[in-house]
Amino acid sequence: MPEVPMTVTIRKIPNKPDLFEFTFSTPALRSQFRLPRVLMNKLRILIEQALTSK
């Protein structure tokens, strides 16, 4: 299966220290959403677990 080029960006929302914006972009699709810090930390833990599991 060919790989689709994808970019992922994460930025902190100005004047809202507990809100982060994620953008995922491919040539055919762009998805953007905002996560509060609590959910961001849960996502970080899930990613770390997936990367370190055997």
C-alpha atoms as a PDB file:
ATOM      1  CA  MET A   1       0.000   0.000   0.000  1.00  0.00           C
ATOM      2  CA  PRO A   2       1.513   3.366  -0.962  1.00  0.00           C
ATOM      3  CA  GLU A   3       2.125   5.896   1.792  1.00  0.00           C
ATOM      4  CA  VAL A   4       0.105   9.093   1.735  1.00  0.00           C
ATOM      5  CA  PRO A   5       2.048  12.219   2.691  1.00  0.00           C
ATOM      6  CA  MET A   6       0.656  13.630   5.914  1.00  0.00           C
ATOM      7  CA  THR A   7       1.504  16.598   8.089  1.00  0.00           C
ATOM      8  CA  VAL A   8       0.539  16.978  11.726  1.00  0.00           C
ATOM      9  CA  THR A   9       0.741  20.266  13.584  1.00  0.00           C
ATOM     10  CA  ILE A  10       0.019  21.065  17.213  1.00  0.00           C
ATOM     11  CA  ARG A  11      -0.194  24.541  18.638  1.00  0.00           C
ATOM     12  CA  LYS A  12      -1.264  26.143  21.887  1.00  0.00           C
ATOM     13  CA  ILE A  13      -4.213  28.509  21.543  1.00  0.00           C
ATOM     14  CA  PRO A  14      -3.206  32.090  22.411  1.00  0.00           C
ATOM     15  CA  ASN A  15      -4.729  33.389  25.659  1.00  0.00           C
ATOM     16  CA  LYS A  16      -6.032  29.895  26.523  1.00  0.00           C
ATOM     17  CA  PRO A  17      -3.177  27.946  28.130  1.00  0.00           C
ATOM     18  CA  ASP A  18      -5.261  24.770  28.555  1.00  0.00           C
ATOM     19  CA  LEU A  19      -6.386  24.428  24.942  1.00  0.00           C
ATOM     20  CA  PHE A  20      -4.423  22.907  22.035  1.00  0.00           C
ATOM     21  CA  GLU A  21      -5.217  22.791  18.319  1.00  0.00           C
ATOM     22  CA  PHE A  22      -4.337  19.742  16.204  1.00  0.00           C
ATOM     23  CA  THR A  23      -4.318  19.777  12.411  1.00  0.00           C
ATOM     24  CA  PHE A  24      -3.840  16.674  10.261  1.00  0.00           C
ATOM     25  CA  SER A  25      -3.414  17.317   6.528  1.00  0.00           C
ATOM     26  CA  THR A  26      -3.116  15.082   3.477  1.00  0.00           C
ATOM     27  CA  PRO A  27      -3.449  16.122  -0.164  1.00  0.00           C
ATOM     28  CA  ALA A  28      -7.131  15.085  -0.093  1.00  0.00           C
ATOM     29  CA  LEU A  29      -8.203  15.786   3.487  1.00  0.00           C
ATOM     30  CA  ARG A  30      -7.662  18.271   6.291  1.00  0.00           C
ATOM     31  CA  SER A  31      -8.943  17.743   9.824  1.00  0.00           C
ATOM     32  CA  GLN A  32      -8.621  20.256  12.618  1.00  0.00           C
ATOM     33  CA  PHE A  33      -9.767  19.993  16.229  1.00  0.00           C
ATOM     34  CA  ARG A  34      -9.110  21.431  19.683  1.00  0.00           C
ATOM     35  CA  LEU A  35      -8.348  19.476  22.839  1.00  0.00           C
ATOM     36  CA  PRO A  36      -8.232  20.577  26.465  1.00  0.00           C
ATOM     37  CA  ARG A  37      -5.036  19.906  28.405  1.00  0.00           C
ATOM     38  CA  VAL A  38      -6.569  16.955  30.315  1.00  0.00           C
ATOM     39  CA  LEU A  39      -7.425  15.132  27.098  1.00  0.00           C
ATOM     40  CA  MET A  40      -4.085  16.090  25.593  1.00  0.00           C
ATOM     41  CA  ASN A  41      -2.296  14.374  28.495  1.00  0.00           C
ATOM     42  CA  LYS A  42      -4.426  11.220  28.062  1.00  0.00           C
ATOM     43  CA  LEU A  43      -3.585  11.184  24.350  1.00  0.00           C
ATOM     44  CA  ARG A  44       0.123  11.578  25.120  1.00  0.00           C
ATOM     45  CA  ILE A  45      -0.005   8.602  27.521  1.00  0.00           C
ATOM     46  CA  LEU A  46      -1.802   6.444  24.930  1.00  0.00           C
ATOM     47  CA  ILE A  47       0.770   7.319  22.258  1.00  0.00           C
ATOM     48  CA  GLU A  48       3.670   6.520  24.602  1.00  0.00           C
ATOM     49  CA  GLN A  49       2.092   3.181  25.526  1.00  0.00           C
ATOM     50  CA  ALA A  50       1.581   2.253  21.874  1.00  0.00           C
ATOM     51  CA  LEU A  51       5.164   3.194  20.973  1.00  0.00           C
ATOM     52  CA  THR A  52       6.743   1.281  23.848  1.00  0.00           C
ATOM     53  CA  SER A  53       4.571  -1.865  23.787  1.00  0.00           C
ATOM     54  CA  LYS A  54       6.002  -5.006  22.233  1.00  0.00           C
END
